[in-house]
PDB file of N, CA and C in Angstrom:
ATOM      1  N   MET A   1     -30.599 -88.740 -28.115  1.00  0.00           N
ATOM      2  CA  MET A   1     -29.766 -88.264 -27.563  1.00  0.00           C
ATOM      3  C   MET A   1     -29.597 -88.694 -26.295  1.00  0.00           C
ATOM      4  N   THR A   2     -27.991 -88.814 -26.268  1.00  0.00           N
ATOM      5  CA  THR A   2     -27.602 -90.139 -25.311  1.00  0.00           C
ATOM      6  C   THR A   2     -27.357 -89.582 -24.229  1.00  0.00           C
ATOM      7  N   GLU A   3     -26.792 -90.649 -22.928  1.00  0.00           N
ATOM      8  CA  GLU A   3     -27.255 -90.105 -21.501  1.00  0.00           C
ATOM      9  C   GLU A   3     -26.407 -89.448 -21.588  1.00  0.00           C
ATOM     10  N   ILE A   4     -25.286 -89.350 -22.199  1.00  0.00           N
ATOM     11  CA  ILE A   4     -24.360 -88.139 -21.865  1.00  0.00           C
ATOM     12  C   ILE A   4     -24.594 -86.537 -22.427  1.00  0.00           C
ATOM     13  N   GLU A   5     -25.111 -86.599 -23.529  1.00  0.00           N
ATOM     14  CA  GLU A   5     -25.625 -85.546 -23.927  1.00  0.00           C
ATOM     15  C   GLU A   5     -26.698 -84.633 -23.194  1.00  0.00           C
ATOM     16  N   LYS A   6     -27.714 -85.540 -22.631  1.00  0.00           N
ATOM     17  CA  LYS A   6     -28.530 -85.208 -21.623  1.00  0.00           C
ATOM     18  C   LYS A   6     -27.865 -85.209 -20.530  1.00  0.00           C
ATOM     19  N   GLU A   7     -26.919 -85.507 -19.492  1.00  0.00           N
ATOM     20  CA  GLU A   7     -26.251 -84.767 -18.773  1.00  0.00           C
ATOM     21  C   GLU A   7     -25.393 -83.502 -19.052  1.00  0.00           C
ATOM     22  N   LEU A   8     -25.650 -83.788 -20.055  1.00  0.00           N
ATOM     23  CA  LEU A   8     -24.722 -81.923 -20.152  1.00  0.00           C
ATOM     24  C   LEU A   8     -25.509 -81.145 -20.535  1.00  0.00           C
ATOM     25  N   GLU A   9     -26.608 -81.424 -20.967  1.00  0.00           N
ATOM     26  CA  GLU A   9     -27.709 -80.316 -21.217  1.00  0.00           C
ATOM     27  C   GLU A   9     -28.534 -79.982 -19.773  1.00  0.00           C
ATOM     28  N   LYS A  10     -28.578 -81.018 -18.886  1.00  0.00           N
ATOM     29  CA  LYS A  10     -28.394 -80.397 -17.337  1.00  0.00           C
ATOM     30  C   LYS A  10     -27.907 -79.628 -16.837  1.00  0.00           C
ATOM     31  N   LEU A  11     -26.583 -80.003 -16.731  1.00  0.00           N
ATOM     32  CA  LEU A  11     -25.714 -78.962 -16.301  1.00  0.00           C
ATOM     33  C   LEU A  11     -25.323 -77.596 -16.782  1.00  0.00           C
ATOM     34  N   ARG A  12     -25.734 -77.421 -18.132  1.00  0.00           N
ATOM     35  CA  ARG A  12     -25.289 -76.340 -18.813  1.00  0.00           C
ATOM     36  C   ARG A  12     -26.977 -75.695 -17.839  1.00  0.00           C
ATOM     37  N   GLU A  13     -27.545 -75.944 -18.347  1.00  0.00           N
ATOM     38  CA  GLU A  13     -29.220 -75.271 -17.464  1.00  0.00           C
ATOM     39  C   GLU A  13     -28.418 -74.680 -16.004  1.00  0.00           C
ATOM     40  N   GLU A  14     -27.994 -75.997 -15.651  1.00  0.00           N
ATOM     41  CA  GLU A  14     -27.710 -75.258 -13.598  1.00  0.00           C
ATOM     42  C   GLU A  14     -26.537 -73.806 -14.217  1.00  0.00           C
ATOM     43  N   ILE A  15     -25.735 -74.429 -14.929  1.00  0.00           N
ATOM     44  CA  ILE A  15     -24.824 -73.103 -15.323  1.00  0.00           C
ATOM     45  C   ILE A  15     -25.736 -71.813 -15.607  1.00  0.00           C
ATOM     46  N   ASP A  16     -26.754 -72.075 -17.064  1.00  0.00           N
ATOM     47  CA  ASP A  16     -27.041 -70.432 -17.050  1.00  0.00           C
ATOM     48  C   ASP A  16     -28.027 -69.920 -15.909  1.00  0.00           C
ATOM     49  N   LYS A  17     -28.432 -71.228 -14.878  1.00  0.00           N
ATOM     50  CA  LYS A  17     -29.726 -70.522 -14.108  1.00  0.00           C
ATOM     51  C   LYS A  17     -28.291 -69.775 -12.608  1.00  0.00           C
ATOM     52  N   ILE A  18     -27.494 -70.661 -12.506  1.00  0.00           N
ATOM     53  CA  ILE A  18     -26.778 -69.607 -11.727  1.00  0.00           C
ATOM     54  C   ILE A  18     -26.132 -68.492 -12.398  1.00  0.00           C
ATOM     55  N   ASP A  19     -26.198 -68.169 -13.797  1.00  0.00           N
ATOM     56  CA  ASP A  19     -25.243 -67.157 -13.956  1.00  0.00           C
ATOM     57  C   ASP A  19     -26.084 -66.069 -13.720  1.00  0.00           C
ATOM     58  N   GLU A  20     -28.130 -66.279 -13.929  1.00  0.00           N
ATOM     59  CA  GLU A  20     -28.717 -65.526 -13.857  1.00  0.00           C
ATOM     60  C   GLU A  20     -28.603 -65.510 -12.420  1.00  0.00           C
ATOM     61  N   ASN A  21     -28.775 -65.758 -11.759  1.00  0.00           N
ATOM     62  CA  ASN A  21     -28.732 -65.700  -9.910  1.00  0.00           C
ATOM     63  C   ASN A  21     -26.934 -64.628 -10.119  1.00  0.00           C
ATOM     64  N   LEU A  22     -26.205 -64.882 -10.630  1.00  0.00           N
ATOM     65  CA  LEU A  22     -25.149 -63.879 -10.299  1.00  0.00           C
ATOM     66  C   LEU A  22     -24.876 -62.532 -10.738  1.00  0.00           C
ATOM     67  N   VAL A  23     -25.867 -62.409 -12.013  1.00  0.00           N
ATOM     68  CA  VAL A  23     -26.452 -61.195 -12.643  1.00  0.00           C
ATOM     69  C   VAL A  23     -27.158 -60.607 -11.578  1.00  0.00           C
ATOM     70  N   LYS A  24     -27.802 -60.952 -11.344  1.00  0.00           N
ATOM     71  CA  LYS A  24     -28.911 -60.484  -9.855  1.00  0.00           C
ATOM     72  C   LYS A  24     -28.142 -60.233  -8.639  1.00  0.00           C
ATOM     73  N   ILE A  25     -27.182 -60.924  -8.600  1.00  0.00           N
ATOM     74  CA  ILE A  25     -26.599 -60.337  -7.169  1.00  0.00           C
ATOM     75  C   ILE A  25     -25.282 -59.316  -7.117  1.00  0.00           C
ATOM     76  N   LEU A  26     -24.774 -59.787  -8.355  1.00  0.00           N
ATOM     77  CA  LEU A  26     -24.197 -58.275  -8.644  1.00  0.00           C
ATOM     78  C   LEU A  26     -24.819 -56.584  -8.982  1.00  0.00           C
ATOM     79  N   ASN A  27     -25.855 -57.032  -9.517  1.00  0.00           N
ATOM     80  CA  ASN A  27     -27.158 -55.929  -9.679  1.00  0.00           C
ATOM     81  C   ASN A  27     -27.439 -55.294  -8.499  1.00  0.00           C
ATOM     82  N   GLU A  28     -27.544 -56.197  -7.310  1.00  0.00           N
ATOM     83  CA  GLU A  28     -28.257 -56.142  -6.105  1.00  0.00           C
ATOM     84  C   GLU A  28     -26.802 -55.338  -5.400  1.00  0.00           C
ATOM     85  N   ARG A  29     -25.675 -55.592  -5.596  1.00  0.00           N
ATOM     86  CA  ARG A  29     -24.439 -55.073  -5.105  1.00  0.00           C
ATOM     87  C   ARG A  29     -24.079 -53.610  -5.556  1.00  0.00           C
ATOM     88  N   THR A  30     -24.373 -53.237  -6.897  1.00  0.00           N
ATOM     89  CA  THR A  30     -24.278 -52.264  -7.839  1.00  0.00           C
ATOM     90  C   THR A  30     -25.223 -51.150  -6.962  1.00  0.00           C
ATOM     91  N   LYS A  31     -26.324 -52.023  -6.450  1.00  0.00           N
ATOM     92  CA  LYS A  31     -27.250 -50.681  -5.969  1.00  0.00           C
ATOM     93  C   LYS A  31     -26.972 -50.222  -4.629  1.00  0.00           C
ATOM     94  N   ILE A  32     -26.084 -51.132  -3.713  1.00  0.00           N
ATOM     95  CA  ILE A  32     -25.969 -50.818  -2.720  1.00  0.00           C
ATOM     96  C   ILE A  32     -24.408 -50.023  -2.916  1.00  0.00           C
ATOM     97  N   VAL A  33     -23.770 -50.141  -3.717  1.00  0.00           N
ATOM     98  CA  VAL A  33     -23.089 -49.615  -3.931  1.00  0.00           C
ATOM     99  C   VAL A  33     -23.063 -47.676  -4.265  1.00  0.00           C
ATOM    100  N   LEU A  34     -24.252 -47.736  -5.035  1.00  0.00           N
ATOM    101  CA  LEU A  34     -24.270 -46.956  -5.373  1.00  0.00           C
ATOM    102  C   LEU A  34     -24.949 -45.543  -3.917  1.00  0.00           C
ATOM    103  N   LYS A  35     -25.853 -46.135  -3.231  1.00  0.00           N
ATOM    104  CA  LYS A  35     -26.193 -46.100  -1.818  1.00  0.00           C
ATOM    105  C   LYS A  35     -24.975 -45.154  -1.031  1.00  0.00           C
ATOM    106  N   VAL A  36     -23.945 -46.151  -1.154  1.00  0.00           N
ATOM    107  CA  VAL A  36     -22.667 -45.659  -0.595  1.00  0.00           C
ATOM    108  C   VAL A  36     -21.518 -44.818  -1.274  1.00  0.00           C
ATOM    109  N   LYS A  37     -21.905 -44.647  -2.279  1.00  0.00           N
ATOM    110  CA  LYS A  37     -21.537 -43.586  -3.052  1.00  0.00           C
ATOM    111  C   LYS A  37     -22.752 -41.932  -2.686  1.00  0.00           C
ATOM    112  N   LYS A  38     -23.623 -42.645  -2.296  1.00  0.00           N
ATOM    113  CA  LYS A  38     -24.645 -41.333  -1.692  1.00  0.00           C
ATOM    114  C   LYS A  38     -24.162 -40.136  -0.988  1.00  0.00           C
ATOM    115  N   LEU A  39     -23.984 -41.818   0.110  1.00  0.00           N
ATOM    116  CA  LEU A  39     -23.619 -41.878   1.217  1.00  0.00           C
ATOM    117  C   LEU A  39     -22.226 -40.466   1.893  1.00  0.00           C
ATOM    118  N   LYS A  40     -21.459 -41.020   0.975  1.00  0.00           N
ATOM    119  CA  LYS A  40     -20.334 -40.547   1.109  1.00  0.00           C
ATOM    120  C   LYS A  40     -19.909 -39.380   0.470  1.00  0.00           C
ATOM    121  N   ALA A  41     -20.619 -38.956  -0.550  1.00  0.00           N
ATOM    122  CA  ALA A  41     -20.417 -37.836  -1.211  1.00  0.00           C
ATOM    123  C   ALA A  41     -21.109 -36.839  -0.216  1.00  0.00           C
ATOM    124  N   GLU A  42     -22.300 -37.250   0.546  1.00  0.00           N
ATOM    125  CA  GLU A  42     -23.067 -36.510   1.598  1.00  0.00           C
ATOM    126  C   GLU A  42     -21.988 -35.943   2.697  1.00  0.00           C
ATOM    127  N   GLY A  43     -21.704 -36.864   2.934  1.00  0.00           N
ATOM    128  CA  GLY A  43     -19.923 -36.886   4.193  1.00  0.00           C
ATOM    129  C   GLY A  43     -19.017 -36.336   3.882  1.00  0.00           C
ATOM    130  N   ALA A  44     -18.892 -35.988   2.661  1.00  0.00           N
ATOM    131  CA  ALA A  44     -17.892 -35.302   2.088  1.00  0.00           C
ATOM    132  C   ALA A  44     -16.467 -36.533   2.331  1.00  0.00           C
ATOM    133  N   PHE A  45     -16.683 -37.918   2.443  1.00  0.00           N
ATOM    134  CA  PHE A  45     -15.480 -38.737   2.390  1.00  0.00           C
ATOM    135  C   PHE A  45     -15.036 -39.298   1.302  1.00  0.00           C
ATOM    136  N   PRO A  46     -14.008 -39.368   1.221  1.00  0.00           N
ATOM    137  CA  PRO A  46     -13.388 -39.788  -0.121  1.00  0.00           C
ATOM    138  C   PRO A  46     -13.775 -41.166  -1.048  1.00  0.00           C
ATOM    139  N   VAL A  47     -13.957 -41.003  -2.315  1.00  0.00           N
ATOM    140  CA  VAL A  47     -14.282 -42.553  -3.038  1.00  0.00           C
ATOM    141  C   VAL A  47     -13.867 -43.778  -2.540  1.00  0.00           C
ATOM    142  N   TYR A  48     -12.508 -43.655  -3.111  1.00  0.00           N
ATOM    143  CA  TYR A  48     -11.880 -44.969  -2.774  1.00  0.00           C
ATOM    144  C   TYR A  48     -11.297 -44.416  -1.476  1.00  0.00           C
ATOM    145  N   ASP A  49     -11.697 -45.925  -0.771  1.00  0.00           N
ATOM    146  CA  ASP A  49     -10.953 -46.249   0.716  1.00  0.00           C
ATOM    147  C   ASP A  49     -10.038 -47.413  -0.085  1.00  0.00           C
ATOM    148  N   PRO A  50      -8.378 -47.768   0.215  1.00  0.00           N
ATOM    149  CA  PRO A  50      -7.554 -48.955   0.233  1.00  0.00           C
ATOM    150  C   PRO A  50      -7.999 -50.097   1.233  1.00  0.00           C
ATOM    151  N   ARG A  51      -8.051 -49.080   2.588  1.00  0.00           N
ATOM    152  CA  ARG A  51      -8.489 -49.961   3.477  1.00  0.00           C
ATOM    153  C   ARG A  51      -9.675 -51.237   3.853  1.00  0.00           C
ATOM    154  N   ARG A  52     -10.868 -50.617   3.059  1.00  0.00           N
ATOM    155  CA  ARG A  52     -12.244 -51.251   2.905  1.00  0.00           C
ATOM    156  C   ARG A  52     -12.025 -52.066   1.661  1.00  0.00           C
ATOM    157  N   GLU A  53     -11.704 -51.820   0.764  1.00  0.00           N
ATOM    158  CA  GLU A  53     -10.677 -52.917  -0.733  1.00  0.00           C
ATOM    159  C   GLU A  53     -10.264 -53.929  -0.339  1.00  0.00           C
ATOM    160  N   GLU A  54      -8.714 -53.291   0.795  1.00  0.00           N
ATOM    161  CA  GLU A  54      -8.284 -54.765   1.623  1.00  0.00           C
ATOM    162  C   GLU A  54      -8.971 -55.769   2.340  1.00  0.00           C
ATOM    163  N   GLU A  55     -10.020 -55.141   2.777  1.00  0.00           N
ATOM    164  CA  GLU A  55     -10.885 -55.939   3.812  1.00  0.00           C
ATOM    165  C   GLU A  55     -11.867 -56.461   2.999  1.00  0.00           C
ATOM    166  N   ILE A  56     -12.702 -55.951   2.458  1.00  0.00           N
ATOM    167  CA  ILE A  56     -13.011 -56.815   0.881  1.00  0.00           C
ATOM    168  C   ILE A  56     -12.075 -58.537   0.752  1.00  0.00           C
ATOM    169  N   PHE A  57     -11.065 -57.787   0.232  1.00  0.00           N
ATOM    170  CA  PHE A  57     -10.483 -59.451  -0.293  1.00  0.00           C
ATOM    171  C   PHE A  57      -9.650 -60.081   0.863  1.00  0.00           C
ATOM    172  N   GLU A  58     -10.106 -59.549   1.986  1.00  0.00           N
ATOM    173  CA  GLU A  58      -9.214 -60.378   3.096  1.00  0.00           C
ATOM    174  C   GLU A  58     -10.775 -61.567   3.494  1.00  0.00           C
ATOM    175  N   LYS A  59     -12.132 -61.078   3.184  1.00  0.00           N
ATOM    176  CA  LYS A  59     -13.227 -61.668   3.987  1.00  0.00           C
ATOM    177  C   LYS A  59     -14.045 -62.422   2.619  1.00  0.00           C
ATOM    178  N   ILE A  60     -13.440 -61.995   1.223  1.00  0.00           N
ATOM    179  CA  ILE A  60     -13.667 -63.469   0.718  1.00  0.00           C
ATOM    180  C   ILE A  60     -12.902 -64.093   0.355  1.00  0.00           C
ATOM    181  N   SER A  61     -11.447 -64.156   1.149  1.00  0.00           N
ATOM    182  CA  SER A  61     -10.718 -64.918   0.920  1.00  0.00           C
ATOM    183  C   SER A  61     -11.304 -66.129   2.326  1.00  0.00           C
ATOM    184  N   ALA A  62     -11.275 -65.388   3.165  1.00  0.00           N
ATOM    185  CA  ALA A  62     -12.097 -66.379   4.216  1.00  0.00           C
ATOM    186  C   ALA A  62     -13.122 -66.984   3.994  1.00  0.00           C
ATOM    187  N   CYS A  63     -13.956 -66.597   3.451  1.00  0.00           N
ATOM    188  CA  CYS A  63     -15.276 -67.823   2.891  1.00  0.00           C
ATOM    189  C   CYS A  63     -14.978 -68.315   1.829  1.00  0.00           C
ATOM    190  N   ASN A  64     -13.569 -68.279   0.999  1.00  0.00           N
ATOM    191  CA  ASN A  64     -13.632 -69.156  -0.030  1.00  0.00           C
ATOM    192  C   ASN A  64     -13.449 -70.632   0.546  1.00  0.00           C
ATOM    193  N   SER A  65     -14.509 -71.495  -0.134  1.00  0.00           N
ATOM    194  CA  SER A  65     -13.842 -73.007   0.346  1.00  0.00           C
ATOM    195  C   SER A  65     -13.699 -73.905  -0.834  1.00  0.00           C
ATOM    196  N   GLY A  66     -13.382 -73.277  -1.905  1.00  0.00           N
ATOM    197  CA  GLY A  66     -13.013 -73.720  -2.926  1.00  0.00           C
ATOM    198  C   GLY A  66     -14.100 -74.393  -3.511  1.00  0.00           C
ATOM    199  N   PRO A  67     -13.955 -74.772  -5.045  1.00  0.00           N
ATOM    200  CA  PRO A  67     -12.977 -75.475  -5.847  1.00  0.00           C
ATOM    201  C   PRO A  67     -12.010 -73.973  -6.042  1.00  0.00           C
ATOM    202  N   LEU A  68     -12.348 -72.813  -6.473  1.00  0.00           N
ATOM    203  CA  LEU A  68     -11.241 -71.729  -7.004  1.00  0.00           C
ATOM    204  C   LEU A  68     -10.394 -71.324  -5.474  1.00  0.00           C
ATOM    205  N   TYR A  69      -8.912 -71.099  -6.438  1.00  0.00           N
ATOM    206  CA  TYR A  69      -8.482 -70.487  -5.693  1.00  0.00           C
ATOM    207  C   TYR A  69      -8.396 -69.425  -5.398  1.00  0.00           C
ATOM    208  N   ASP A  70      -7.833 -69.068  -4.462  1.00  0.00           N
ATOM    209  CA  ASP A  70      -8.135 -67.262  -3.531  1.00  0.00           C
ATOM    210  C   ASP A  70      -7.657 -66.252  -4.925  1.00  0.00           C
ATOM    211  N   ASP A  71      -6.668 -66.812  -5.845  1.00  0.00           N
ATOM    212  CA  ASP A  71      -5.947 -65.763  -6.393  1.00  0.00           C
ATOM    213  C   ASP A  71      -7.054 -65.540  -7.191  1.00  0.00           C
ATOM    214  N   ALA A  72      -7.965 -66.657  -8.236  1.00  0.00           N
ATOM    215  CA  ALA A  72      -8.656 -66.551  -9.132  1.00  0.00           C
ATOM    216  C   ALA A  72     -10.138 -65.950  -8.541  1.00  0.00           C
ATOM    217  N   ILE A  73     -10.225 -66.111  -7.105  1.00  0.00           N
ATOM    218  CA  ILE A  73     -11.206 -65.437  -6.403  1.00  0.00           C
ATOM    219  C   ILE A  73     -11.220 -63.493  -6.114  1.00  0.00           C
ATOM    220  N   HIS A  74      -9.888 -63.555  -6.397  1.00  0.00           N
ATOM    221  CA  HIS A  74      -8.937 -62.380  -6.152  1.00  0.00           C
ATOM    222  C   HIS A  74      -9.420 -61.465  -7.535  1.00  0.00           C
ATOM    223  N   GLU A  75      -8.714 -62.328  -8.755  1.00  0.00           N
ATOM    224  CA  GLU A  75      -9.004 -61.745  -9.666  1.00  0.00           C
ATOM    225  C   GLU A  75     -10.308 -61.345 -10.646  1.00  0.00           C
ATOM    226  N   ILE A  76     -10.969 -61.963  -9.658  1.00  0.00           N
ATOM    227  CA  ILE A  76     -12.760 -61.882 -10.227  1.00  0.00           C
ATOM    228  C   ILE A  76     -13.208 -60.675  -9.453  1.00  0.00           C
ATOM    229  N   TYR A  77     -12.747 -60.795  -8.194  1.00  0.00           N
ATOM    230  CA  TYR A  77     -13.028 -59.094  -7.359  1.00  0.00           C
ATOM    231  C   TYR A  77     -12.408 -58.052  -7.532  1.00  0.00           C
ATOM    232  N   GLU A  78     -11.293 -58.416  -8.459  1.00  0.00           N
ATOM    233  CA  GLU A  78     -10.650 -56.825  -8.990  1.00  0.00           C
ATOM    234  C   GLU A  78     -11.373 -56.295  -9.931  1.00  0.00           C
ATOM    235  N   VAL A  79     -12.010 -56.988 -10.959  1.00  0.00           N
ATOM    236  CA  VAL A  79     -12.902 -56.884 -12.094  1.00  0.00           C
ATOM    237  C   VAL A  79     -13.706 -56.196 -11.855  1.00  0.00           C
ATOM    238  N   ILE A  80     -14.755 -56.860 -10.340  1.00  0.00           N
ATOM    239  CA  ILE A  80     -15.544 -56.377  -9.843  1.00  0.00           C
ATOM    240  C   ILE A  80     -15.533 -54.812  -9.453  1.00  0.00           C
ATOM    241  N   LEU A  81     -14.535 -54.587  -8.711  1.00  0.00           N
ATOM    242  CA  LEU A  81     -14.005 -53.692  -7.924  1.00  0.00           C
ATOM    243  C   LEU A  81     -14.166 -52.648  -8.440  1.00  0.00           C
ATOM    244  N   HIS A  82     -13.349 -52.879  -9.983  1.00  0.00           N
ATOM    245  CA  HIS A  82     -13.145 -52.036 -10.719  1.00  0.00           C
ATOM    246  C   HIS A  82     -14.402 -51.312 -11.717  1.00  0.00           C
ATOM    247  N   CYS A  83     -15.243 -51.968 -11.867  1.00  0.00           N
ATOM    248  CA  CYS A  83     -16.317 -51.592 -12.288  1.00  0.00           C
ATOM    249  C   CYS A  83     -17.396 -50.757 -11.616  1.00  0.00           C
ATOM    250  N   MET A  84     -17.331 -51.379 -10.037  1.00  0.00           N
ATOM    251  CA  MET A  84     -18.260 -50.370  -8.931  1.00  0.00           C
ATOM    252  C   MET A  84     -17.397 -48.893  -9.218  1.00  0.00           C
ATOM    253  N   LYS A  85     -15.812 -48.833  -9.028  1.00  0.00           N
ATOM    254  CA  LYS A  85     -14.949 -47.505  -9.176  1.00  0.00           C
ATOM    255  C   LYS A  85     -15.877 -46.685 -10.126  1.00  0.00           C
ATOM    256  N   ASP A  86     -15.769 -47.399 -11.082  1.00  0.00           N
ATOM    257  CA  ASP A  86     -16.260 -46.758 -12.596  1.00  0.00           C
ATOM    258  C   ASP A  86     -17.740 -45.855 -12.080  1.00  0.00           C
ATOM    259  N   LEU A  87     -18.746 -47.099 -11.326  1.00  0.00           N
ATOM    260  CA  LEU A  87     -19.547 -46.050 -11.234  1.00  0.00           C
ATOM    261  C   LEU A  87     -19.506 -44.860  -9.757  1.00  0.00           C
ATOM    262  N   GLU A  88     -18.655 -45.163  -9.555  1.00  0.00           N
ATOM    263  CA  GLU A  88     -18.546 -44.235  -8.616  1.00  0.00           C
ATOM    264  C   GLU A  88     -18.031 -42.988  -8.665  1.00  0.00           C
ATOM    265  N   LYS A  89     -17.528 -43.110 -10.179  1.00  0.00           N
ATOM    266  CA  LYS A  89     -17.101 -41.532 -10.507  1.00  0.00           C
ATOM    267  C   LYS A  89     -17.650 -40.212 -10.645  1.00  0.00           C
TER     268      LYS A  89
END
């Protein structure tokens, strides 16, 4: 195995570990969303809150230090929020 192949393998292992962590974190987020869903139902609050969604987008933009562009982060979060909304139905 060449040095480049070894480095590629090492970097791919790092990516795999990060992916594992992302899945864990997304599932932790989902568990909290389900708790929010339950509280909203108990309080008779609407499931969808556009102000909260806007707040989330503002916060993720504020903490994004790159190299991903804000537009890319927003696209990723649009998918995440869409999946969360499906769980809230």
